[in-house]
């Protein structure tokens, strides 16, 4: 909490969903969760709810992840924190977007709310606060456009770390940030060699966060 809070930037009103490019893999089109499975070892059918064009975290059912793996990607995802807002800090609409299942872009209601800066919306959790706080109010759609370049390994050795760029509601909040390893709470785990392609994940943190219009472009 002692770190400076990112300054607030008004991103402007939400206009309309970003249409998937012709070469995109559509991961959620508002109709079903056929592209998703549970994040546990069983990898069974995803158990979140789907209605009105969005999927919503069903608290206690666990996180979900894509049935297929991805490496370098451009990812677009829209999300909405619960309204009216309840709780404080990390208790306000907490969830997360996990790249390769281990590198988290934080999802949180950070509108007129304070928490530790590297846990705000748009943070690379536990490592990099967002450059600015570009949050819209809860109950409005937010968007992430994420450019992710996976780490490269030679055997167990890291030869190039992961790099992440994030636009939050169209505002740059992570500018080619270099990850020190997997994201975690109050620790910096080292890299551990992993496959070149792994699933994208969404977190069940117990709050009814909504997601829609999820698509990805493979960059390798």
C-alpha atoms as a PDB file:
ATOM      1  CA  UNK A   1       0.000   0.000   0.000  1.00  0.00           C
ATOM      2  CA  UNK A   2       2.995   2.302   0.409  1.00  0.00           C
ATOM      3  CA  UNK A   3       3.626   2.324  -3.324  1.00  0.00           C
ATOM      4  CA  UNK A   4       2.218   5.357  -5.178  1.00  0.00           C
ATOM      5  CA  UNK A   5      -1.317   4.866  -6.428  1.00  0.00           C
ATOM      6  CA  UNK A   6      -1.521   5.128 -10.235  1.00  0.00           C
ATOM      7  CA  UNK A   7      -3.102   8.387 -11.343  1.00  0.00           C
ATOM      8  CA  UNK A   8      -6.680   8.176 -12.568  1.00  0.00           C
ATOM      9  CA  UNK A   9      -7.456   8.512 -16.272  1.00  0.00           C
ATOM     10  CA  UNK A  10     -11.015   8.659 -17.631  1.00  0.00           C
ATOM     11  CA  UNK A  11     -11.059   6.224 -20.573  1.00  0.00           C
ATOM     12  CA  UNK A  12     -14.350   7.589 -21.882  1.00  0.00           C
ATOM     13  CA  UNK A  13     -17.622   5.714 -22.228  1.00  0.00           C
ATOM     14  CA  UNK A  14     -17.890   2.186 -23.537  1.00  0.00           C
ATOM     15  CA  UNK A  15     -18.983   2.233 -27.170  1.00  0.00           C
ATOM     16  CA  UNK A  16     -19.393  -1.236 -28.674  1.00  0.00           C
ATOM     17  CA  UNK A  17     -17.727  -4.661 -28.617  1.00  0.00           C
ATOM     18  CA  UNK A  18     -14.549  -5.002 -30.661  1.00  0.00           C
ATOM     19  CA  UNK A  19     -15.275  -7.394 -33.540  1.00  0.00           C
ATOM     20  CA  UNK A  20     -12.877 -10.328 -33.905  1.00  0.00           C
ATOM     21  CA  UNK A  21     -10.404 -10.015 -36.802  1.00  0.00           C
ATOM     22  CA  UNK A  22     -10.682 -12.549 -39.598  1.00  0.00           C
ATOM     23  CA  UNK A  23      -7.739 -14.589 -38.267  1.00  0.00           C
ATOM     24  CA  UNK A  24      -8.903 -14.637 -34.644  1.00  0.00           C
ATOM     25  CA  UNK A  25      -9.777 -17.730 -32.655  1.00  0.00           C
ATOM     26  CA  UNK A  26     -13.089 -16.912 -30.944  1.00  0.00           C
ATOM     27  CA  UNK A  27     -12.991 -18.362 -27.440  1.00  0.00           C
ATOM     28  CA  UNK A  28     -16.378 -17.093 -26.280  1.00  0.00           C
ATOM     29  CA  UNK A  29     -19.094 -15.732 -28.541  1.00  0.00           C
ATOM     30  CA  UNK A  30     -21.786 -15.353 -25.900  1.00  0.00           C
ATOM     31  CA  UNK A  31     -23.493 -18.688 -26.514  1.00  0.00           C
ATOM     32  CA  UNK A  32     -21.655 -21.526 -24.787  1.00  0.00           C
ATOM     33  CA  UNK A  33     -18.494 -22.637 -22.999  1.00  0.00           C
ATOM     34  CA  UNK A  34     -17.496 -25.302 -25.517  1.00  0.00           C
ATOM     35  CA  UNK A  35     -13.980 -23.811 -25.763  1.00  0.00           C
ATOM     36  CA  UNK A  36     -13.431 -23.991 -21.989  1.00  0.00           C
ATOM     37  CA  UNK A  37     -12.823 -26.648 -19.336  1.00  0.00           C
ATOM     38  CA  UNK A  38     -12.290 -26.629 -15.579  1.00  0.00           C
ATOM     39  CA  UNK A  39      -8.808 -25.626 -14.432  1.00  0.00           C
ATOM     40  CA  UNK A  40      -8.440 -28.630 -12.153  1.00  0.00           C
ATOM     41  CA  UNK A  41      -6.740 -31.855 -13.126  1.00  0.00           C
ATOM     42  CA  UNK A  42     -10.041 -33.371 -14.276  1.00  0.00           C
ATOM     43  CA  UNK A  43     -10.446 -30.732 -17.012  1.00  0.00           C
ATOM     44  CA  UNK A  44     -14.174 -31.389 -17.107  1.00  0.00           C
ATOM     45  CA  UNK A  45     -16.833 -29.144 -18.675  1.00  0.00           C
ATOM     46  CA  UNK A  46     -16.676 -25.531 -17.456  1.00  0.00           C
ATOM     47  CA  UNK A  47     -19.404 -24.881 -14.883  1.00  0.00           C
ATOM     48  CA  UNK A  48     -19.779 -21.111 -15.059  1.00  0.00           C
ATOM     49  CA  UNK A  49     -23.141 -19.677 -16.093  1.00  0.00           C
ATOM     50  CA  UNK A  50     -23.923 -18.306 -19.551  1.00  0.00           C
ATOM     51  CA  UNK A  51     -26.734 -15.835 -20.209  1.00  0.00           C
ATOM     52  CA  UNK A  52     -27.462 -12.654 -22.138  1.00  0.00           C
ATOM     53  CA  UNK A  53     -24.257 -12.958 -24.143  1.00  0.00           C
ATOM     54  CA  UNK A  54     -21.829 -13.220 -21.224  1.00  0.00           C
ATOM     55  CA  UNK A  55     -20.365 -15.870 -18.976  1.00  0.00           C
ATOM     56  CA  UNK A  56     -20.282 -15.305 -15.226  1.00  0.00           C
ATOM     57  CA  UNK A  57     -18.138 -16.783 -12.490  1.00  0.00           C
ATOM     58  CA  UNK A  58     -20.114 -19.357 -10.541  1.00  0.00           C
ATOM     59  CA  UNK A  59     -18.480 -19.026  -7.136  1.00  0.00           C
ATOM     60  CA  UNK A  60     -17.004 -22.237  -5.821  1.00  0.00           C
ATOM     61  CA  UNK A  61     -16.929 -24.063  -9.153  1.00  0.00           C
ATOM     62  CA  UNK A  62     -13.282 -23.191  -9.720  1.00  0.00           C
ATOM     63  CA  UNK A  63     -11.405 -21.410 -12.461  1.00  0.00           C
ATOM     64  CA  UNK A  64     -11.748 -22.252 -16.122  1.00  0.00           C
ATOM     65  CA  UNK A  65      -9.204 -22.504 -18.918  1.00  0.00           C
ATOM     66  CA  UNK A  66      -9.169 -22.919 -22.659  1.00  0.00           C
ATOM     67  CA  UNK A  67      -9.318 -26.454 -23.944  1.00  0.00           C
ATOM     68  CA  UNK A  68      -6.346 -25.736 -26.208  1.00  0.00           C
ATOM     69  CA  UNK A  69      -3.017 -24.115 -25.477  1.00  0.00           C
ATOM     70  CA  UNK A  70      -1.520 -20.863 -26.743  1.00  0.00           C
ATOM     71  CA  UNK A  71       1.908 -19.222 -26.746  1.00  0.00           C
ATOM     72  CA  UNK A  72       2.498 -15.712 -28.124  1.00  0.00           C
ATOM     73  CA  UNK A  73      -0.899 -14.050 -28.487  1.00  0.00           C
ATOM     74  CA  UNK A  74      -2.953 -10.934 -28.918  1.00  0.00           C
ATOM     75  CA  UNK A  75      -5.884 -11.423 -26.544  1.00  0.00           C
ATOM     76  CA  UNK A  76      -9.060  -9.364 -26.345  1.00  0.00           C
ATOM     77  CA  UNK A  77     -11.450  -9.831 -23.444  1.00  0.00           C
ATOM     78  CA  UNK A  78     -14.246  -7.729 -21.955  1.00  0.00           C
ATOM     79  CA  UNK A  79     -15.300  -7.976 -18.326  1.00  0.00           C
ATOM     80  CA  UNK A  80     -17.668  -6.386 -15.837  1.00  0.00           C
ATOM     81  CA  UNK A  81     -17.370  -6.092 -12.059  1.00  0.00           C
ATOM     82  CA  UNK A  82     -20.516  -6.575  -9.948  1.00  0.00           C
ATOM     83  CA  UNK A  83     -22.759  -3.581  -9.286  1.00  0.00           C
ATOM     84  CA  UNK A  84     -23.457  -2.171  -6.796  1.00  0.00           C
ATOM     85  CA  UNK A  85     -19.930  -2.443  -5.485  1.00  0.00           C
ATOM     86  CA  UNK A  86     -19.436  -4.127  -2.129  1.00  0.00           C
ATOM     87  CA  UNK A  87     -16.362  -4.678  -0.017  1.00  0.00           C
ATOM     88  CA  UNK A  88     -13.007  -2.953  -0.177  1.00  0.00           C
ATOM     89  CA  UNK A  89      -9.650  -3.512  -1.795  1.00  0.00           C
ATOM     90  CA  UNK A  90      -9.238  -7.047  -3.132  1.00  0.00           C
ATOM     91  CA  UNK A  91     -12.849  -7.898  -2.233  1.00  0.00           C
ATOM     92  CA  UNK A  92     -14.315  -5.820  -5.075  1.00  0.00           C
ATOM     93  CA  UNK A  93     -15.007  -8.034  -8.072  1.00  0.00           C
ATOM     94  CA  UNK A  94     -11.726  -9.927  -7.937  1.00  0.00           C
ATOM     95  CA  UNK A  95     -10.757 -12.254 -10.781  1.00  0.00           C
ATOM     96  CA  UNK A  96      -7.863 -12.597 -13.195  1.00  0.00           C
ATOM     97  CA  UNK A  97      -6.766 -13.413 -16.723  1.00  0.00           C
ATOM     98  CA  UNK A  98      -3.997 -16.008 -16.683  1.00  0.00           C
ATOM     99  CA  UNK A  99      -1.634 -16.238 -19.634  1.00  0.00           C
ATOM    100  CA  UNK A 100      -0.305 -19.776 -19.982  1.00  0.00           C
ATOM    101  CA  UNK A 101      -2.028 -20.459 -16.664  1.00  0.00           C
ATOM    102  CA  UNK A 102       0.645 -18.675 -14.604  1.00  0.00           C
ATOM    103  CA  UNK A 103       1.094 -15.046 -15.647  1.00  0.00           C
ATOM    104  CA  UNK A 104      -1.844 -12.975 -14.323  1.00  0.00           C
ATOM    105  CA  UNK A 105      -3.367  -9.734 -15.500  1.00  0.00           C
ATOM    106  CA  UNK A 106      -5.473  -8.685 -12.524  1.00  0.00           C
ATOM    107  CA  UNK A 107      -9.233  -8.173 -12.842  1.00  0.00           C
ATOM    108  CA  UNK A 108     -10.680  -5.984 -10.079  1.00  0.00           C
ATOM    109  CA  UNK A 109     -13.107  -3.133  -9.499  1.00  0.00           C
ATOM    110  CA  UNK A 110     -10.553  -0.350  -9.075  1.00  0.00           C
ATOM    111  CA  UNK A 111     -12.976   2.524  -9.715  1.00  0.00           C
ATOM    112  CA  UNK A 112     -12.655   5.055  -6.875  1.00  0.00           C
ATOM    113  CA  UNK A 113     -11.173   2.294  -4.744  1.00  0.00           C
ATOM    114  CA  UNK A 114      -7.712   1.693  -3.335  1.00  0.00           C
ATOM    115  CA  UNK A 115      -5.717  -1.464  -2.922  1.00  0.00           C
ATOM    116  CA  UNK A 116      -2.044  -2.286  -3.219  1.00  0.00           C
ATOM    117  CA  UNK A 117      -1.022  -0.917  -6.640  1.00  0.00           C
ATOM    118  CA  UNK A 118       0.365  -4.176  -8.032  1.00  0.00           C
ATOM    119  CA  UNK A 119      -3.046  -5.734  -7.308  1.00  0.00           C
ATOM    120  CA  UNK A 120      -5.153  -3.151  -9.160  1.00  0.00           C
ATOM    121  CA  UNK A 121      -7.032  -3.754 -12.377  1.00  0.00           C
ATOM    122  CA  UNK A 122      -4.508  -3.813 -15.194  1.00  0.00           C
ATOM    123  CA  UNK A 123      -1.644  -4.881 -12.940  1.00  0.00           C
ATOM    124  CA  UNK A 124       0.638  -7.776 -13.698  1.00  0.00           C
ATOM    125  CA  UNK A 125      -0.216  -9.206 -10.345  1.00  0.00           C
ATOM    126  CA  UNK A 126       2.432  -8.810  -7.683  1.00  0.00           C
ATOM    127  CA  UNK A 127       4.970  -7.371 -10.119  1.00  0.00           C
ATOM    128  CA  UNK A 128       3.874  -4.278 -12.055  1.00  0.00           C
ATOM    129  CA  UNK A 129       1.150  -1.770 -11.114  1.00  0.00           C
ATOM    130  CA  UNK A 130      -0.717  -0.305 -14.074  1.00  0.00           C
ATOM    131  CA  UNK A 131       0.785   2.910 -15.440  1.00  0.00           C
ATOM    132  CA  UNK A 132      -2.584   4.600 -14.806  1.00  0.00           C
ATOM    133  CA  UNK A 133      -5.986   3.632 -13.387  1.00  0.00           C
ATOM    134  CA  UNK A 134      -8.283   3.613 -16.425  1.00  0.00           C
ATOM    135  CA  UNK A 135     -11.261   1.950 -14.725  1.00  0.00           C
ATOM    136  CA  UNK A 136     -14.885   2.553 -15.568  1.00  0.00           C
ATOM    137  CA  UNK A 137     -17.514   2.224 -12.815  1.00  0.00           C
ATOM    138  CA  UNK A 138     -18.686  -1.241 -11.775  1.00  0.00           C
ATOM    139  CA  UNK A 139     -21.619  -2.457 -13.839  1.00  0.00           C
ATOM    140  CA  UNK A 140     -20.013  -1.119 -17.034  1.00  0.00           C
ATOM    141  CA  UNK A 141     -18.027  -3.169 -19.518  1.00  0.00           C
ATOM    142  CA  UNK A 142     -14.253  -2.930 -19.340  1.00  0.00           C
ATOM    143  CA  UNK A 143     -11.834  -4.249 -21.958  1.00  0.00           C
ATOM    144  CA  UNK A 144      -8.326  -5.667 -22.020  1.00  0.00           C
ATOM    145  CA  UNK A 145      -6.194  -5.933 -25.127  1.00  0.00           C
ATOM    146  CA  UNK A 146      -3.146  -7.947 -24.176  1.00  0.00           C
ATOM    147  CA  UNK A 147      -0.018  -8.624 -26.238  1.00  0.00           C
ATOM    148  CA  UNK A 148       1.888 -11.503 -24.698  1.00  0.00           C
ATOM    149  CA  UNK A 149       5.227 -12.951 -25.737  1.00  0.00           C
ATOM    150  CA  UNK A 150       5.949 -16.145 -23.865  1.00  0.00           C
ATOM    151  CA  UNK A 151       9.276 -16.897 -22.194  1.00  0.00           C
ATOM    152  CA  UNK A 152      11.843 -18.887 -24.144  1.00  0.00           C
ATOM    153  CA  UNK A 153      13.797 -21.688 -22.565  1.00  0.00           C
ATOM    154  CA  UNK A 154      16.818 -23.742 -23.461  1.00  0.00           C
ATOM    155  CA  UNK A 155      16.436 -26.745 -21.255  1.00  0.00           C
ATOM    156  CA  UNK A 156      15.826 -25.359 -17.764  1.00  0.00           C
ATOM    157  CA  UNK A 157      17.485 -22.020 -18.564  1.00  0.00           C
ATOM    158  CA  UNK A 158      15.507 -18.866 -19.417  1.00  0.00           C
ATOM    159  CA  UNK A 159      16.951 -17.282 -22.533  1.00  0.00           C
ATOM    160  CA  UNK A 160      14.204 -14.668 -22.915  1.00  0.00           C
ATOM    161  CA  UNK A 161      11.646 -13.707 -20.255  1.00  0.00           C
ATOM    162  CA  UNK A 162       7.960 -13.139 -20.918  1.00  0.00           C
ATOM    163  CA  UNK A 163       6.922  -9.662 -22.062  1.00  0.00           C
ATOM    164  CA  UNK A 164       3.409  -8.230 -21.654  1.00  0.00           C
ATOM    165  CA  UNK A 165       1.715  -5.132 -23.046  1.00  0.00           C
ATOM    166  CA  UNK A 166      -1.810  -4.281 -21.875  1.00  0.00           C
ATOM    167  CA  UNK A 167      -4.339  -1.693 -23.027  1.00  0.00           C
ATOM    168  CA  UNK A 168      -7.111  -1.229 -20.486  1.00  0.00           C
ATOM    169  CA  UNK A 169     -10.200   0.399 -21.973  1.00  0.00           C
ATOM    170  CA  UNK A 170      -7.954   1.523 -24.813  1.00  0.00           C
ATOM    171  CA  UNK A 171      -5.389   3.115 -22.465  1.00  0.00           C
ATOM    172  CA  UNK A 172      -1.831   1.779 -22.241  1.00  0.00           C
ATOM    173  CA  UNK A 173      -1.243   0.424 -18.724  1.00  0.00           C
ATOM    174  CA  UNK A 174       1.591  -2.086 -19.311  1.00  0.00           C
ATOM    175  CA  UNK A 175       4.266  -1.119 -21.837  1.00  0.00           C
ATOM    176  CA  UNK A 176       6.319  -4.183 -22.771  1.00  0.00           C
ATOM    177  CA  UNK A 177       6.690  -5.124 -19.099  1.00  0.00           C
ATOM    178  CA  UNK A 178       9.235  -7.900 -18.537  1.00  0.00           C
ATOM    179  CA  UNK A 179       8.015 -10.546 -16.112  1.00  0.00           C
ATOM    180  CA  UNK A 180      10.476 -11.866 -13.544  1.00  0.00           C
ATOM    181  CA  UNK A 181       8.661 -15.225 -13.468  1.00  0.00           C
ATOM    182  CA  UNK A 182       5.147 -16.444 -12.644  1.00  0.00           C
ATOM    183  CA  UNK A 183       2.961 -13.930 -10.830  1.00  0.00           C
ATOM    184  CA  UNK A 184       2.174 -14.521  -7.137  1.00  0.00           C
ATOM    185  CA  UNK A 185       1.108 -12.757  -3.947  1.00  0.00           C
ATOM    186  CA  UNK A 186       4.016 -11.148  -2.058  1.00  0.00           C
ATOM    187  CA  UNK A 187       6.644 -13.347  -3.638  1.00  0.00           C
ATOM    188  CA  UNK A 188       8.610 -13.627  -6.868  1.00  0.00           C
ATOM    189  CA  UNK A 189       8.787 -17.258  -7.943  1.00  0.00           C
ATOM    190  CA  UNK A 190      11.506 -18.008 -10.483  1.00  0.00           C
ATOM    191  CA  UNK A 191      10.755 -19.252 -13.963  1.00  0.00           C
ATOM    192  CA  UNK A 192      10.380 -22.974 -14.420  1.00  0.00           C
ATOM    193  CA  UNK A 193      10.616 -24.393 -17.924  1.00  0.00           C
ATOM    194  CA  UNK A 194       7.222 -25.232 -19.407  1.00  0.00           C
ATOM    195  CA  UNK A 195       5.693 -26.150 -22.788  1.00  0.00           C
ATOM    196  CA  UNK A 196       5.548 -23.570 -25.577  1.00  0.00           C
ATOM    197  CA  UNK A 197       1.744 -23.612 -25.534  1.00  0.00           C
ATOM    198  CA  UNK A 198      -0.502 -23.728 -22.466  1.00  0.00           C
ATOM    199  CA  UNK A 199      -4.154 -22.776 -21.793  1.00  0.00           C
ATOM    200  CA  UNK A 200      -5.410 -19.285 -21.046  1.00  0.00           C
ATOM    201  CA  UNK A 201      -7.263 -19.159 -17.728  1.00  0.00           C
ATOM    202  CA  UNK A 202      -9.934 -17.148 -15.930  1.00  0.00           C
ATOM    203  CA  UNK A 203     -10.047 -17.100 -12.140  1.00  0.00           C
ATOM    204  CA  UNK A 204     -12.858 -17.977  -9.757  1.00  0.00           C
ATOM    205  CA  UNK A 205     -12.114 -15.728  -6.768  1.00  0.00           C
ATOM    206  CA  UNK A 206     -15.665 -16.041  -5.441  1.00  0.00           C
ATOM    207  CA  UNK A 207     -17.141 -12.936  -7.082  1.00  0.00           C
ATOM    208  CA  UNK A 208     -19.755 -12.838  -9.898  1.00  0.00           C
ATOM    209  CA  UNK A 209     -17.528 -11.195 -12.499  1.00  0.00           C
ATOM    210  CA  UNK A 210     -18.786 -11.353 -16.070  1.00  0.00           C
ATOM    211  CA  UNK A 211     -16.796 -11.904 -19.275  1.00  0.00           C
ATOM    212  CA  UNK A 212     -17.698 -11.664 -22.935  1.00  0.00           C
ATOM    213  CA  UNK A 213     -16.259 -11.185 -26.435  1.00  0.00           C
ATOM    214  CA  UNK A 214     -13.135 -13.242 -25.858  1.00  0.00           C
ATOM    215  CA  UNK A 215     -10.887 -13.808 -28.866  1.00  0.00           C
ATOM    216  CA  UNK A 216      -7.234 -14.398 -29.507  1.00  0.00           C
ATOM    217  CA  UNK A 217      -4.783 -14.065 -32.397  1.00  0.00           C
ATOM    218  CA  UNK A 218      -1.805 -16.378 -32.385  1.00  0.00           C
ATOM    219  CA  UNK A 219       1.445 -14.509 -33.021  1.00  0.00           C
ATOM    220  CA  UNK A 220       3.728 -17.483 -33.698  1.00  0.00           C
END
